[in-house]
Amino acid sequence: MVFKIAGWTISHAQVRTWFDRQGYKFDDFGDDYVGIALNYWFKERNIDYLWAVGTDYPRGSLQPVIVLVRRRREDPKSTVSRYYRVRELDADREVKKQVMEETGLSDEDLPWVTVADPFFMS
């Protein structure tokens, strides 16, 4: 059994650009806090359909990214090394359009991923 998330990857720099484009001011204490600031901003805007999770993707790459999570769950049939990918649905694509409008990013800039064990608990 493993906890997995599915959503779009976005870099810390892309999030900072998003904040700038939207006029959102925050205390930038480094990459570790960008995801926290993003979740706080979502809460201020009553956005309960996105959750920002900082992780390495691909796993073990030491490339920190933020995943804009649309779906999350414990998967009893998966492990860290063998898991089922979550497909992007039409409802996800509608949210992605909003994110692309606000960020100025393209569809290719926001790849959909499934991440097993994003918090490295296993």
C-alpha atoms as a PDB file:
ATOM      1  CA  MET A   1       0.000   0.000   0.000  1.00  0.00           C
ATOM      2  CA  VAL A   2       1.245   3.477  -0.872  1.00  0.00           C
ATOM      3  CA  PHE A   3      -0.062   7.021  -0.781  1.00  0.00           C
ATOM      4  CA  LYS A   4      -0.088   8.590  -4.233  1.00  0.00           C
ATOM      5  CA  ILE A   5      -0.866  11.944  -5.718  1.00  0.00           C
ATOM      6  CA  ALA A   6      -1.678  13.050  -9.249  1.00  0.00           C
ATOM      7  CA  GLY A   7      -1.423  16.510 -10.742  1.00  0.00           C
ATOM      8  CA  TRP A   8       0.833  18.848 -12.654  1.00  0.00           C
ATOM      9  CA  THR A   9       4.461  19.592 -11.892  1.00  0.00           C
ATOM     10  CA  ILE A  10       5.509  23.207 -11.651  1.00  0.00           C
ATOM     11  CA  SER A  11       8.919  24.603 -10.716  1.00  0.00           C
ATOM     12  CA  HIS A  12       9.549  26.944  -7.822  1.00  0.00           C
ATOM     13  CA  ALA A  13      10.535  29.676 -10.301  1.00  0.00           C
ATOM     14  CA  GLN A  14       7.267  29.196 -12.207  1.00  0.00           C
ATOM     15  CA  VAL A  15       5.307  29.590  -8.953  1.00  0.00           C
ATOM     16  CA  ARG A  16       7.167  32.818  -8.168  1.00  0.00           C
ATOM     17  CA  THR A  17       6.305  34.110 -11.653  1.00  0.00           C
ATOM     18  CA  TRP A  18       2.667  33.120 -11.054  1.00  0.00           C
ATOM     19  CA  PHE A  19       2.672  35.112  -7.816  1.00  0.00           C
ATOM     20  CA  ASP A  20       4.187  38.138  -9.598  1.00  0.00           C
ATOM     21  CA  ARG A  21       1.633  37.980 -12.435  1.00  0.00           C
ATOM     22  CA  GLN A  22      -1.217  37.902  -9.900  1.00  0.00           C
ATOM     23  CA  GLY A  23       0.271  40.626  -7.694  1.00  0.00           C
ATOM     24  CA  TYR A  24       0.621  38.269  -4.728  1.00  0.00           C
ATOM     25  CA  LYS A  25       3.313  39.373  -2.279  1.00  0.00           C
ATOM     26  CA  PHE A  26       4.863  36.848   0.064  1.00  0.00           C
ATOM     27  CA  ASP A  27       7.982  36.526   2.185  1.00  0.00           C
ATOM     28  CA  ASP A  28      10.290  34.391   0.074  1.00  0.00           C
ATOM     29  CA  PHE A  29      12.363  32.339   2.488  1.00  0.00           C
ATOM     30  CA  GLY A  30      13.584  29.948  -0.199  1.00  0.00           C
ATOM     31  CA  ASP A  31      12.270  26.989  -2.139  1.00  0.00           C
ATOM     32  CA  ASP A  32      11.173  25.089   0.977  1.00  0.00           C
ATOM     33  CA  TYR A  33       8.495  27.716   1.630  1.00  0.00           C
ATOM     34  CA  VAL A  34       7.137  28.303  -1.880  1.00  0.00           C
ATOM     35  CA  GLY A  35       4.713  25.372  -1.628  1.00  0.00           C
ATOM     36  CA  ILE A  36       3.537  26.569   1.781  1.00  0.00           C
ATOM     37  CA  ALA A  37       2.955  30.067   0.399  1.00  0.00           C
ATOM     38  CA  LEU A  38       1.071  28.578  -2.547  1.00  0.00           C
ATOM     39  CA  ASN A  39      -1.238  26.574  -0.259  1.00  0.00           C
ATOM     40  CA  TYR A  40      -1.837  29.679   1.870  1.00  0.00           C
ATOM     41  CA  TRP A  41      -2.696  31.638  -1.294  1.00  0.00           C
ATOM     42  CA  PHE A  42      -5.095  28.895  -2.384  1.00  0.00           C
ATOM     43  CA  LYS A  43      -6.791  29.091   1.003  1.00  0.00           C
ATOM     44  CA  GLU A  44      -7.113  32.888   0.766  1.00  0.00           C
ATOM     45  CA  ARG A  45      -8.790  32.455  -2.631  1.00  0.00           C
ATOM     46  CA  ASN A  46     -11.083  29.611  -1.438  1.00  0.00           C
ATOM     47  CA  ILE A  47      -9.421  27.187  -3.841  1.00  0.00           C
ATOM     48  CA  ASP A  48     -10.036  23.786  -2.301  1.00  0.00           C
ATOM     49  CA  TYR A  49      -9.498  21.763  -5.475  1.00  0.00           C
ATOM     50  CA  LEU A  50      -5.698  22.186  -5.600  1.00  0.00           C
ATOM     51  CA  TRP A  51      -3.033  21.230  -3.071  1.00  0.00           C
ATOM     52  CA  ALA A  52       0.634  22.147  -3.525  1.00  0.00           C
ATOM     53  CA  VAL A  53       3.032  19.350  -2.543  1.00  0.00           C
ATOM     54  CA  GLY A  54       6.787  19.727  -2.703  1.00  0.00           C
ATOM     55  CA  THR A  55       8.624  16.558  -3.708  1.00  0.00           C
ATOM     56  CA  ASP A  56      11.357  15.219  -5.966  1.00  0.00           C
ATOM     57  CA  TYR A  57      10.226  14.172  -9.411  1.00  0.00           C
ATOM     58  CA  PRO A  58      11.152  11.781 -10.813  1.00  0.00           C
ATOM     59  CA  ARG A  59      11.669  10.000  -7.509  1.00  0.00           C
ATOM     60  CA  GLY A  60      15.286  10.025  -6.407  1.00  0.00           C
ATOM     61  CA  SER A  61      16.269  12.625  -9.006  1.00  0.00           C
ATOM     62  CA  LEU A  62      16.906  15.303  -6.379  1.00  0.00           C
ATOM     63  CA  GLN A  63      15.017  17.686  -8.675  1.00  0.00           C
ATOM     64  CA  PRO A  64      12.615  19.531  -6.386  1.00  0.00           C
ATOM     65  CA  VAL A  65       9.259  20.409  -7.903  1.00  0.00           C
ATOM     66  CA  ILE A  66       5.819  21.314  -6.687  1.00  0.00           C
ATOM     67  CA  VAL A  67       2.945  19.092  -7.717  1.00  0.00           C
ATOM     68  CA  LEU A  68      -0.387  20.877  -8.081  1.00  0.00           C
ATOM     69  CA  VAL A  69      -2.376  17.949  -6.756  1.00  0.00           C
ATOM     70  CA  ARG A  70      -5.840  17.252  -8.086  1.00  0.00           C
ATOM     71  CA  ARG A  71      -6.242  13.746  -6.683  1.00  0.00           C
ATOM     72  CA  ARG A  72      -4.729  11.820  -3.793  1.00  0.00           C
ATOM     73  CA  ARG A  73      -5.375   8.483  -2.153  1.00  0.00           C
ATOM     74  CA  GLU A  74      -3.956   5.436  -0.457  1.00  0.00           C
ATOM     75  CA  ASP A  75      -3.603   2.722  -3.081  1.00  0.00           C
ATOM     76  CA  PRO A  76      -3.676  -0.777  -1.571  1.00  0.00           C
ATOM     77  CA  LYS A  77      -2.570  -2.388  -4.855  1.00  0.00           C
ATOM     78  CA  SER A  78       0.509  -0.243  -5.424  1.00  0.00           C
ATOM     79  CA  THR A  79       4.023   0.053  -4.063  1.00  0.00           C
ATOM     80  CA  VAL A  80       6.628   2.758  -4.524  1.00  0.00           C
ATOM     81  CA  SER A  81       8.204   0.956  -7.472  1.00  0.00           C
ATOM     82  CA  ARG A  82       5.005  -0.499  -8.986  1.00  0.00           C
ATOM     83  CA  TYR A  83       1.934   1.656  -9.130  1.00  0.00           C
ATOM     84  CA  TYR A  84      -0.955   2.482 -11.377  1.00  0.00           C
ATOM     85  CA  ARG A  85      -0.831   5.869 -13.039  1.00  0.00           C
ATOM     86  CA  VAL A  86      -3.765   8.198 -12.552  1.00  0.00           C
ATOM     87  CA  ARG A  87      -5.202   9.595 -15.776  1.00  0.00           C
ATOM     88  CA  GLU A  88      -5.937  13.264 -16.298  1.00  0.00           C
ATOM     89  CA  LEU A  89      -9.689  13.764 -16.698  1.00  0.00           C
ATOM     90  CA  ASP A  90     -11.689  16.470 -18.456  1.00  0.00           C
ATOM     91  CA  ALA A  91     -12.440  18.114 -15.096  1.00  0.00           C
ATOM     92  CA  ASP A  92      -8.676  18.287 -14.456  1.00  0.00           C
ATOM     93  CA  ARG A  93      -8.114  19.895 -17.850  1.00  0.00           C
ATOM     94  CA  GLU A  94     -10.662  22.589 -17.024  1.00  0.00           C
ATOM     95  CA  VAL A  95      -8.694  23.488 -13.869  1.00  0.00           C
ATOM     96  CA  LYS A  96      -5.480  23.366 -15.895  1.00  0.00           C
ATOM     97  CA  LYS A  97      -6.906  25.990 -18.264  1.00  0.00           C
ATOM     98  CA  GLN A  98      -7.394  28.326 -15.306  1.00  0.00           C
ATOM     99  CA  VAL A  99      -3.836  27.680 -14.104  1.00  0.00           C
ATOM    100  CA  MET A 100      -2.446  28.314 -17.617  1.00  0.00           C
ATOM    101  CA  GLU A 101      -4.383  31.601 -17.889  1.00  0.00           C
ATOM    102  CA  GLU A 102      -3.082  32.838 -14.538  1.00  0.00           C
ATOM    103  CA  THR A 103       0.509  31.659 -14.976  1.00  0.00           C
ATOM    104  CA  GLY A 104       1.052  32.264 -18.674  1.00  0.00           C
ATOM    105  CA  LEU A 105       2.383  28.704 -18.936  1.00  0.00           C
ATOM    106  CA  SER A 106       1.563  26.369 -21.809  1.00  0.00           C
ATOM    107  CA  ASP A 107       0.058  22.903 -21.689  1.00  0.00           C
ATOM    108  CA  GLU A 108       3.536  21.410 -22.199  1.00  0.00           C
ATOM    109  CA  ASP A 109       4.906  23.416 -19.255  1.00  0.00           C
ATOM    110  CA  LEU A 110       2.520  21.603 -16.877  1.00  0.00           C
ATOM    111  CA  PRO A 111       2.971  17.857 -17.332  1.00  0.00           C
ATOM    112  CA  TRP A 112       0.504  15.539 -15.583  1.00  0.00           C
ATOM    113  CA  VAL A 113       2.234  13.058 -13.287  1.00  0.00           C
ATOM    114  CA  THR A 114       1.458  10.392 -10.728  1.00  0.00           C
ATOM    115  CA  VAL A 115       3.805  10.318  -7.734  1.00  0.00           C
ATOM    116  CA  ALA A 116       3.866   7.346  -5.383  1.00  0.00           C
ATOM    117  CA  ASP A 117       5.000   8.160  -1.844  1.00  0.00           C
ATOM    118  CA  PRO A 118       5.614  11.907  -2.398  1.00  0.00           C
ATOM    119  CA  PHE A 119       6.687  12.350   1.236  1.00  0.00           C
ATOM    120  CA  PHE A 120       9.221   9.477   1.111  1.00  0.00           C
ATOM    121  CA  MET A 121       7.567   7.527   3.922  1.00  0.00           C
ATOM    122  CA  SER A 122       8.342   4.080   2.475  1.00  0.00           C
END
